[in-house]
C-alpha atoms as a PDB file:
ATOM      1  CA  MET A   1       0.280  -0.001   0.265  1.00  0.00           C
ATOM      2  CA  ASN A   2       1.731   3.464  -0.814  1.00  0.00           C
ATOM      3  CA  ASN A   3       2.751   4.945   2.410  1.00  0.00           C
ATOM      4  CA  THR A   4       2.076   8.100   1.080  1.00  0.00           C
ATOM      5  CA  LEU A   5      -1.499   7.974  -0.207  1.00  0.00           C
ATOM      6  CA  VAL A   6      -2.312   6.512   3.664  1.00  0.00           C
ATOM      7  CA  LYS A   7      -0.911   9.629   5.053  1.00  0.00           C
ATOM      8  CA  GLY A   8      -2.307  12.086   3.160  1.00  0.00           C
ATOM      9  CA  MET A   9      -5.609  10.036   3.601  1.00  0.00           C
ATOM     10  CA  ALA A  10      -5.246  10.279   7.160  1.00  0.00           C
ATOM     11  CA  LEU A  11      -5.291  13.771   7.201  1.00  0.00           C
ATOM     12  CA  LEU A  12      -8.120  14.299   5.210  1.00  0.00           C
ATOM     13  CA  GLU A  13     -10.032  12.362   7.510  1.00  0.00           C
ATOM     14  CA  ALA A  14      -8.622  14.563  10.177  1.00  0.00           C
ATOM     15  CA  LEU A  15      -9.411  17.679   8.882  1.00  0.00           C
ATOM     16  CA  ALA A  16     -12.983  16.542   8.354  1.00  0.00           C
ATOM     17  CA  ARG A  17     -13.775  15.168  11.210  1.00  0.00           C
ATOM     18  CA  SER A  18     -12.809  18.167  13.263  1.00  0.00           C
ATOM     19  CA  GLU A  19     -15.034  20.960  13.831  1.00  0.00           C
ATOM     20  CA  GLN A  20     -12.661  23.238  13.956  1.00  0.00           C
ATOM     21  CA  ALA A  21      -9.954  23.962  12.048  1.00  0.00           C
ATOM     22  CA  LEU A  22      -6.081  23.186  12.665  1.00  0.00           C
ATOM     23  CA  GLY A  23      -2.750  23.616  11.956  1.00  0.00           C
ATOM     24  CA  ILE A  24       0.239  21.870  11.202  1.00  0.00           C
ATOM     25  CA  THR A  25       1.710  20.487  14.967  1.00  0.00           C
ATOM     26  CA  ALA A  26      -1.873  19.846  15.771  1.00  0.00           C
ATOM     27  CA  LEU A  27      -1.839  17.749  12.989  1.00  0.00           C
ATOM     28  CA  ALA A  28       1.193  16.056  13.269  1.00  0.00           C
ATOM     29  CA  SER A  29       0.705  15.157  16.862  1.00  0.00           C
ATOM     30  CA  GLN A  30      -2.476  13.631  16.010  1.00  0.00           C
ATOM     31  CA  LEU A  31      -1.332  11.579  12.952  1.00  0.00           C
ATOM     32  CA  GLY A  32       2.014  11.043  14.245  1.00  0.00           C
ATOM     33  CA  ILE A  33       3.387  11.932  11.163  1.00  0.00           C
ATOM     34  CA  GLY A  34       6.178  14.242  10.476  1.00  0.00           C
ATOM     35  CA  LYS A  35       5.623  18.069  10.308  1.00  0.00           C
ATOM     36  CA  SER A  36       7.724  18.594   7.142  1.00  0.00           C
ATOM     37  CA  ASN A  37       5.304  15.500   6.120  1.00  0.00           C
ATOM     38  CA  VAL A  38       2.203  16.819   7.134  1.00  0.00           C
ATOM     39  CA  HIS A  39       2.927  20.202   5.323  1.00  0.00           C
ATOM     40  CA  ARG A  40       4.101  18.900   2.062  1.00  0.00           C
ATOM     41  CA  LEU A  41       0.573  16.782   2.033  1.00  0.00           C
ATOM     42  CA  LEU A  42      -1.439  19.878   3.585  1.00  0.00           C
ATOM     43  CA  GLN A  43       0.036  21.632   0.104  1.00  0.00           C
ATOM     44  CA  ALA A  44      -0.851  18.763  -1.830  1.00  0.00           C
ATOM     45  CA  LEU A  45      -4.284  18.547  -1.322  1.00  0.00           C
ATOM     46  CA  VAL A  46      -4.824  22.590  -1.217  1.00  0.00           C
ATOM     47  CA  GLU A  47      -3.563  22.492  -5.032  1.00  0.00           C
ATOM     48  CA  LEU A  48      -6.107  19.513  -5.613  1.00  0.00           C
ATOM     49  CA  GLY A  49      -9.016  21.702  -3.774  1.00  0.00           C
ATOM     50  CA  TYR A  50      -9.466  19.430  -0.824  1.00  0.00           C
ATOM     51  CA  VAL A  51      -8.522  21.495   1.747  1.00  0.00           C
ATOM     52  CA  ARG A  52      -8.357  24.948   2.126  1.00  0.00           C
ATOM     53  CA  HIS A  53      -6.162  27.027   3.925  1.00  0.00           C
ATOM     54  CA  ASP A  54      -6.180  29.914   6.299  1.00  0.00           C
ATOM     55  CA  PRO A  55      -3.308  32.263   5.807  1.00  0.00           C
ATOM     56  CA  ALA A  56      -4.147  34.459   9.075  1.00  0.00           C
ATOM     57  CA  SER A  57      -4.384  31.851  11.012  1.00  0.00           C
ATOM     58  CA  GLY A  58      -2.104  29.529   9.099  1.00  0.00           C
ATOM     59  CA  ARG A  59      -4.690  26.712   9.915  1.00  0.00           C
ATOM     60  CA  TYR A  60      -6.452  23.964   7.697  1.00  0.00           C
ATOM     61  CA  ALA A  61      -9.958  23.318   7.257  1.00  0.00           C
ATOM     62  CA  ALA A  62     -11.374  20.740   4.762  1.00  0.00           C
ATOM     63  CA  SER A  63     -13.297  22.212   1.812  1.00  0.00           C
ATOM     64  CA  ILE A  64     -16.630  21.824   0.354  1.00  0.00           C
ATOM     65  CA  ARG A  65     -15.425  19.317  -1.999  1.00  0.00           C
ATOM     66  CA  LEU A  66     -15.275  16.621   0.124  1.00  0.00           C
ATOM     67  CA  TRP A  67     -19.114  16.859   1.016  1.00  0.00           C
ATOM     68  CA  GLU A  68     -19.949  17.417  -2.855  1.00  0.00           C
ATOM     69  CA  LEU A  69     -18.641  13.712  -3.393  1.00  0.00           C
ATOM     70  CA  GLY A  70     -19.569  12.410  -0.215  1.00  0.00           C
ATOM     71  CA  SER A  71     -23.871  13.627  -1.443  1.00  0.00           C
ATOM     72  CA  THR A  72     -22.848  12.837  -5.401  1.00  0.00           C
ATOM     73  CA  VAL A  73     -21.893   8.812  -3.122  1.00  0.00           C
ATOM     74  CA  LEU A  74     -25.057   8.973  -0.863  1.00  0.00           C
ATOM     75  CA  ALA A  75     -27.574   9.751  -3.838  1.00  0.00           C
ATOM     76  CA  ASN A  76     -26.215   7.293  -6.184  1.00  0.00           C
ATOM     77  CA  LEU A  77     -26.462   4.280  -3.758  1.00  0.00           C
ATOM     78  CA  ASP A  78     -29.242   1.608  -4.225  1.00  0.00           C
ATOM     79  CA  LEU A  79     -29.556   0.944  -0.911  1.00  0.00           C
ATOM     80  CA  ARG A  80     -30.851   4.632  -0.025  1.00  0.00           C
ATOM     81  CA  ARG A  81     -32.571   4.777  -3.041  1.00  0.00           C
ATOM     82  CA  LEU A  82     -34.473   1.401  -2.318  1.00  0.00           C
ATOM     83  CA  ALA A  83     -35.119   2.822   1.249  1.00  0.00           C
ATOM     84  CA  GLU A  84     -36.987   6.168   0.558  1.00  0.00           C
ATOM     85  CA  ALA A  85     -40.185   4.639   0.509  1.00  0.00           C
ATOM     86  CA  PRO A  86     -40.069   2.164   3.008  1.00  0.00           C
ATOM     87  CA  MET A  87     -38.451   5.291   5.055  1.00  0.00           C
ATOM     88  CA  ARG A  88     -41.652   7.572   4.828  1.00  0.00           C
ATOM     89  CA  ARG A  89     -44.595   5.258   5.128  1.00  0.00           C
ATOM     90  CA  LEU A  90     -42.195   4.256   8.927  1.00  0.00           C
ATOM     91  CA  LEU A  91     -42.364   8.240   8.968  1.00  0.00           C
ATOM     92  CA  GLU A  92     -45.586   8.463   8.787  1.00  0.00           C
ATOM     93  CA  GLN A  93     -46.264   5.608  11.104  1.00  0.00           C
ATOM     94  CA  THR A  94     -44.113   6.809  14.216  1.00  0.00           C
ATOM     95  CA  ARG A  95     -43.708  10.415  13.701  1.00  0.00           C
ATOM     96  CA  GLU A  96     -40.239  10.175  14.944  1.00  0.00           C
ATOM     97  CA  ASN A  97     -36.903  10.598  12.825  1.00  0.00           C
ATOM     98  CA  VAL A  98     -36.217   7.090  10.339  1.00  0.00           C
ATOM     99  CA  HIS A  99     -32.630   6.428   9.438  1.00  0.00           C
ATOM    100  CA  LEU A 100     -30.563   4.304   7.543  1.00  0.00           C
ATOM    101  CA  SER A 101     -27.416   3.301   8.660  1.00  0.00           C
ATOM    102  CA  LEU A 102     -23.958   1.077   7.442  1.00  0.00           C
ATOM    103  CA  LEU A 103     -21.748   0.327   9.214  1.00  0.00           C
ATOM    104  CA  ASP A 104     -18.007   1.607   9.066  1.00  0.00           C
ATOM    105  CA  GLY A 105     -15.572  -0.015  11.363  1.00  0.00           C
ATOM    106  CA  ASP A 106     -16.761   0.630  14.605  1.00  0.00           C
ATOM    107  CA  ASP A 107     -18.976   3.195  14.115  1.00  0.00           C
ATOM    108  CA  VAL A 108     -22.300   3.232  12.142  1.00  0.00           C
ATOM    109  CA  VAL A 109     -22.712   6.049   9.653  1.00  0.00           C
ATOM    110  CA  TYR A 110     -26.569   7.246   8.604  1.00  0.00           C
ATOM    111  CA  VAL A 111     -26.505   6.970   5.268  1.00  0.00           C
ATOM    112  CA  HIS A 112     -30.210   8.818   4.783  1.00  0.00           C
ATOM    113  CA  LYS A 113     -32.414  10.897   7.127  1.00  0.00           C
ATOM    114  CA  LEU A 114     -35.855  11.684   7.241  1.00  0.00           C
ATOM    115  CA  ASP A 115     -36.883  14.612   9.924  1.00  0.00           C
ATOM    116  CA  SER A 116     -39.601  13.951  12.220  1.00  0.00           C
ATOM    117  CA  PRO A 117     -42.557  16.151  11.975  1.00  0.00           C
ATOM    118  CA  GLN A 118     -43.266  17.361  15.749  1.00  0.00           C
ATOM    119  CA  PRO A 119     -41.734  19.882  16.996  1.00  0.00           C
ATOM    120  CA  VAL A 120     -39.216  18.280  19.960  1.00  0.00           C
ATOM    121  CA  ARG A 121     -37.045  15.911  17.787  1.00  0.00           C
ATOM    122  CA  THR A 122     -33.639  14.675  18.399  1.00  0.00           C
ATOM    123  CA  PHE A 123     -30.853  15.736  16.758  1.00  0.00           C
ATOM    124  CA  SER A 124     -28.776  13.953  13.819  1.00  0.00           C
ATOM    125  CA  SER A 125     -27.179  14.569  10.244  1.00  0.00           C
ATOM    126  CA  ILE A 126     -26.960  12.068   6.922  1.00  0.00           C
ATOM    127  CA  GLY A 127     -22.972  11.523   7.194  1.00  0.00           C
ATOM    128  CA  GLY A 128     -23.173  11.619  11.253  1.00  0.00           C
ATOM    129  CA  ARG A 129     -21.480   9.011  13.218  1.00  0.00           C
ATOM    130  CA  ALA A 130     -22.097   6.790  15.920  1.00  0.00           C
ATOM    131  CA  PRO A 131     -20.519   4.066  18.087  1.00  0.00           C
ATOM    132  CA  ALA A 132     -22.433   1.358  16.746  1.00  0.00           C
ATOM    133  CA  TYR A 133     -22.752  -0.521  19.743  1.00  0.00           C
ATOM    134  CA  ALA A 134     -24.162   2.248  21.660  1.00  0.00           C
ATOM    135  CA  ALA A 135     -26.768   3.395  18.755  1.00  0.00           C
ATOM    136  CA  ALA A 136     -29.910   0.838  17.866  1.00  0.00           C
ATOM    137  CA  THR A 137     -29.255   0.737  13.688  1.00  0.00           C
ATOM    138  CA  GLY A 138     -25.556   0.236  14.788  1.00  0.00           C
ATOM    139  CA  LYS A 139     -26.280  -2.920  17.464  1.00  0.00           C
ATOM    140  CA  ALA A 140     -29.269  -4.284  14.698  1.00  0.00           C
ATOM    141  CA  ILE A 141     -26.060  -5.195  12.292  1.00  0.00           C
ATOM    142  CA  LEU A 142     -23.228  -5.659  14.837  1.00  0.00           C
ATOM    143  CA  ALA A 143     -25.817  -8.530  16.381  1.00  0.00           C
ATOM    144  CA  TRP A 144     -25.044 -10.456  13.386  1.00  0.00           C
ATOM    145  CA  GLN A 145     -21.199 -10.054  13.026  1.00  0.00           C
ATOM    146  CA  ASN A 146     -19.570 -13.292  13.469  1.00  0.00           C
ATOM    147  CA  GLU A 147     -18.610 -14.773  16.762  1.00  0.00           C
ATOM    148  CA  ALA A 148     -14.965 -13.599  16.091  1.00  0.00           C
ATOM    149  CA  GLN A 149     -16.008 -10.033  15.606  1.00  0.00           C
ATOM    150  CA  LEU A 150     -18.176  -9.223  18.447  1.00  0.00           C
ATOM    151  CA  GLU A 151     -15.700 -10.824  21.048  1.00  0.00           C
ATOM    152  CA  SER A 152     -13.049  -8.405  19.872  1.00  0.00           C
ATOM    153  CA  LEU A 153     -15.322  -5.313  19.901  1.00  0.00           C
ATOM    154  CA  SER A 154     -16.602  -6.560  23.653  1.00  0.00           C
ATOM    155  CA  ARG A 155     -13.364  -5.717  25.189  1.00  0.00           C
ATOM    156  CA  ARG A 156     -12.714  -2.387  23.646  1.00  0.00           C
ATOM    157  CA  LEU A 157     -16.395  -0.608  24.423  1.00  0.00           C
ATOM    158  CA  ALA A 158     -16.176   2.569  25.890  1.00  0.00           C
ATOM    159  CA  ARG A 159     -18.830   5.201  28.401  1.00  0.00           C
ATOM    160  CA  HIS A 160     -20.802   7.563  26.408  1.00  0.00           C
ATOM    161  CA  SER A 161     -23.764   7.747  29.004  1.00  0.00           C
ATOM    162  CA  PRO A 162     -24.279   6.268  31.894  1.00  0.00           C
ATOM    163  CA  THR A 163     -26.409   3.477  30.079  1.00  0.00           C
ATOM    164  CA  THR A 164     -24.131   2.177  27.583  1.00  0.00           C
ATOM    165  CA  ILE A 165     -22.938  -1.310  27.709  1.00  0.00           C
ATOM    166  CA  VAL A 166     -19.671  -1.371  28.054  1.00  0.00           C
ATOM    167  CA  ASP A 167     -19.577  -4.844  30.648  1.00  0.00           C
ATOM    168  CA  PRO A 168     -18.427  -7.784  27.909  1.00  0.00           C
ATOM    169  CA  GLU A 169     -20.444 -10.071  28.735  1.00  0.00           C
ATOM    170  CA  ASP A 170     -23.570  -7.899  28.861  1.00  0.00           C
ATOM    171  CA  PHE A 171     -23.051  -6.679  25.100  1.00  0.00           C
ATOM    172  CA  LEU A 172     -22.839 -10.425  24.330  1.00  0.00           C
ATOM    173  CA  ARG A 173     -25.858 -11.157  25.863  1.00  0.00           C
ATOM    174  CA  GLU A 174     -27.384  -8.304  24.226  1.00  0.00           C
ATOM    175  CA  MET A 175     -26.049  -8.971  20.552  1.00  0.00           C
ATOM    176  CA  ALA A 176     -27.705 -12.780  21.387  1.00  0.00           C
ATOM    177  CA  TRP A 177     -31.610 -10.591  22.433  1.00  0.00           C
ATOM    178  CA  ILE A 178     -31.434  -8.872  19.206  1.00  0.00           C
ATOM    179  CA  ARG A 179     -30.901 -11.835  17.560  1.00  0.00           C
ATOM    180  CA  ASN A 180     -33.418 -13.368  19.027  1.00  0.00           C
ATOM    181  CA  HIS A 181     -35.989 -10.553  18.848  1.00  0.00           C
ATOM    182  CA  GLY A 182     -35.350  -8.827  15.055  1.00  0.00           C
ATOM    183  CA  TYR A 183     -35.183  -5.899  16.112  1.00  0.00           C
ATOM    184  CA  ALA A 184     -32.767  -3.554  18.713  1.00  0.00           C
ATOM    185  CA  VAL A 185     -33.090  -0.485  21.267  1.00  0.00           C
ATOM    186  CA  SER A 186     -30.742   2.168  22.494  1.00  0.00           C
ATOM    187  CA  ASN A 187     -32.021   3.343  26.163  1.00  0.00           C
ATOM    188  CA  GLY A 188     -30.011   6.601  25.720  1.00  0.00           C
ATOM    189  CA  GLU A 189     -26.187   4.429  25.758  1.00  0.00           C
ATOM    190  CA  TRP A 190     -25.466   7.260  22.924  1.00  0.00           C
ATOM    191  CA  ARG A 191     -27.137  10.413  23.686  1.00  0.00           C
ATOM    192  CA  GLU A 192     -28.866  10.797  27.078  1.00  0.00           C
ATOM    193  CA  GLY A 193     -32.406  11.067  26.716  1.00  0.00           C
ATOM    194  CA  VAL A 194     -32.394   9.628  23.140  1.00  0.00           C
ATOM    195  CA  ARG A 195     -34.357   6.114  22.764  1.00  0.00           C
ATOM    196  CA  GLY A 196     -33.899   4.481  19.229  1.00  0.00           C
ATOM    197  CA  LEU A 197     -35.280   1.346  17.997  1.00  0.00           C
ATOM    198  CA  ALA A 198     -34.119  -0.529  15.160  1.00  0.00           C
ATOM    199  CA  ALA A 199     -33.707  -3.430  12.793  1.00  0.00           C
ATOM    200  CA  PRO A 200     -31.687  -5.438  10.054  1.00  0.00           C
ATOM    201  CA  VAL A 201     -31.750  -5.187   6.541  1.00  0.00           C
ATOM    202  CA  ARG A 202     -30.514  -7.851   4.692  1.00  0.00           C
ATOM    203  CA  GLU A 203     -28.506  -8.162   1.384  1.00  0.00           C
ATOM    204  CA  PRO A 204     -29.951 -11.124  -1.122  1.00  0.00           C
ATOM    205  CA  ARG A 205     -27.327 -13.603   0.356  1.00  0.00           C
ATOM    206  CA  GLY A 206     -28.955 -13.454   3.897  1.00  0.00           C
ATOM    207  CA  GLY A 207     -25.940 -11.263   5.280  1.00  0.00           C
ATOM    208  CA  VAL A 208     -27.124  -8.085   7.212  1.00  0.00           C
ATOM    209  CA  ILE A 209     -26.051  -4.884   4.875  1.00  0.00           C
ATOM    210  CA  ALA A 210     -27.723  -1.876   6.835  1.00  0.00           C
ATOM    211  CA  ALA A 211     -30.582  -1.128   9.500  1.00  0.00           C
ATOM    212  CA  ILE A 212     -33.563   1.072   9.531  1.00  0.00           C
ATOM    213  CA  GLY A 213     -34.232   2.847  13.098  1.00  0.00           C
ATOM    214  CA  ILE A 214     -36.271   5.153  14.468  1.00  0.00           C
ATOM    215  CA  SER A 215     -34.801   7.783  17.581  1.00  0.00           C
ATOM    216  CA  GLY A 216     -36.595   9.962  19.926  1.00  0.00           C
ATOM    217  CA  PRO A 217     -36.859  12.292  23.154  1.00  0.00           C
ATOM    218  CA  THR A 218     -37.013   8.994  25.930  1.00  0.00           C
ATOM    219  CA  GLU A 219     -39.828  10.788  27.243  1.00  0.00           C
ATOM    220  CA  ARG A 220     -42.137  10.183  24.037  1.00  0.00           C
ATOM    221  CA  LEU A 221     -40.281   7.689  22.821  1.00  0.00           C
ATOM    222  CA  ARG A 222     -41.453   5.257  26.514  1.00  0.00           C
ATOM    223  CA  ALA A 223     -40.357   1.737  26.772  1.00  0.00           C
ATOM    224  CA  ALA A 224     -43.784   0.133  26.152  1.00  0.00           C
ATOM    225  CA  LEU A 225     -44.334   1.978  22.705  1.00  0.00           C
ATOM    226  CA  VAL A 226     -40.905   0.887  21.484  1.00  0.00           C
ATOM    227  CA  ARG A 227     -42.505  -2.746  22.160  1.00  0.00           C
ATOM    228  CA  THR A 228     -45.161  -1.439  19.875  1.00  0.00           C
ATOM    229  CA  LEU A 229     -43.329  -0.099  17.373  1.00  0.00           C
ATOM    230  CA  ALA A 230     -41.350  -2.678  17.039  1.00  0.00           C
ATOM    231  CA  PRO A 231     -42.891  -4.891  14.004  1.00  0.00           C
ATOM    232  CA  ALA A 232     -43.290  -1.572  12.233  1.00  0.00           C
ATOM    233  CA  VAL A 233     -39.502  -0.838  12.042  1.00  0.00           C
ATOM    234  CA  ILE A 234     -38.815  -4.391  11.500  1.00  0.00           C
ATOM    235  CA  ALA A 235     -41.369  -4.971   8.269  1.00  0.00           C
ATOM    236  CA  ALA A 236     -39.660  -1.723   7.077  1.00  0.00           C
ATOM    237  CA  ALA A 237     -35.994  -3.320   7.204  1.00  0.00           C
ATOM    238  CA  ASP A 238     -37.708  -6.213   5.850  1.00  0.00           C
ATOM    239  CA  GLU A 239     -39.262  -4.615   3.036  1.00  0.00           C
ATOM    240  CA  VAL A 240     -35.584  -2.760   1.555  1.00  0.00           C
ATOM    241  CA  SER A 241     -34.423  -6.921   2.358  1.00  0.00           C
ATOM    242  CA  ALA A 242     -36.851  -7.960  -0.138  1.00  0.00           C
ATOM    243  CA  GLN A 243     -36.387  -5.102  -2.786  1.00  0.00           C
ATOM    244  CA  LEU A 244     -32.643  -5.950  -2.604  1.00  0.00           C
ATOM    245  CA  GLU A 245     -33.416  -9.437  -3.374  1.00  0.00           C
ATOM    246  CA  ARG A 246     -35.596  -9.058  -6.367  1.00  0.00           C
ATOM    247  CA  GLU A 247     -33.764  -6.201  -8.000  1.00  0.00           C
ATOM    248  CA  GLY A 248     -30.157  -8.439  -7.221  1.00  0.00           C
ATOM    249  CA  VAL A 249     -28.406  -5.743  -6.021  1.00  0.00           C
ATOM    250  CA  SER A 250     -25.788  -5.510  -2.916  1.00  0.00           C
ATOM    251  CA  GLY A 251     -26.809  -2.510  -0.963  1.00  0.00           C
ATOM    252  CA  THR A 252     -23.633  -0.693  -1.996  1.00  0.00           C
ATOM    253  CA  ARG A 253     -23.569  -1.263  -5.640  1.00  0.00           C
ATOM    254  CA  THR A 254     -24.071   2.398  -7.767  1.00  0.00           C
ATOM    255  CA  GLN A 255     -26.783   3.405 -10.256  1.00  0.00           C
ATOM    256  CA  GLY A 256     -25.699   2.488 -13.568  1.00  0.00           C
ATOM    257  CA  HIS A 257     -23.073  -0.489 -12.657  1.00  0.00           C
END
């Protein structure tokens, strides 16, 4: 693997995920790369248009070109297209935020979202991330990963709220519960005061590749209501799975390919 490319991508990801512009020293320290290398890579990324430089502060930030590329990819996902109608029906049924998520390493990424019409709702954004083990959509995908992956993940759980499951045995029991019931619940495990409910989306060969879920304030999306809404969430995910089967596509293939 090209080492320069790897360092350049790590640099770009660090800038994309930072909430503020960063200087060369901060980036070098964060990534463990020499300052001269960081400076050289940044200049190349600025010339390519992926990074912008503020001469006044000397800091760097990811440019809008990344957003443009990401938006194009998301718009072309077969999975997102096929999930649109089931997600809209689920929004009408539940009146809570509806998410379509994919797994990326230990994180879940929101690739599509429909906002609740209610004045008080939870915040999330397309392209946003959450620890998969603490979010309902992430848990709905993780539960069907192989045993070795789950065992490995169970040893690196971090607490994000008082209810985050961090004990390895508790986590593995939670994964088994999800497999047995067909849906996952997050009880404020990522964000306090937010409850989520999600079900897995399967590709034609049967593997779980995504999840559809809802989220809302815990005072409205109470535990008893979650049990009532679970069949609707499962039905939405199953509908997307059935459409993937009919079209014979993998969840992340772009249209026209």
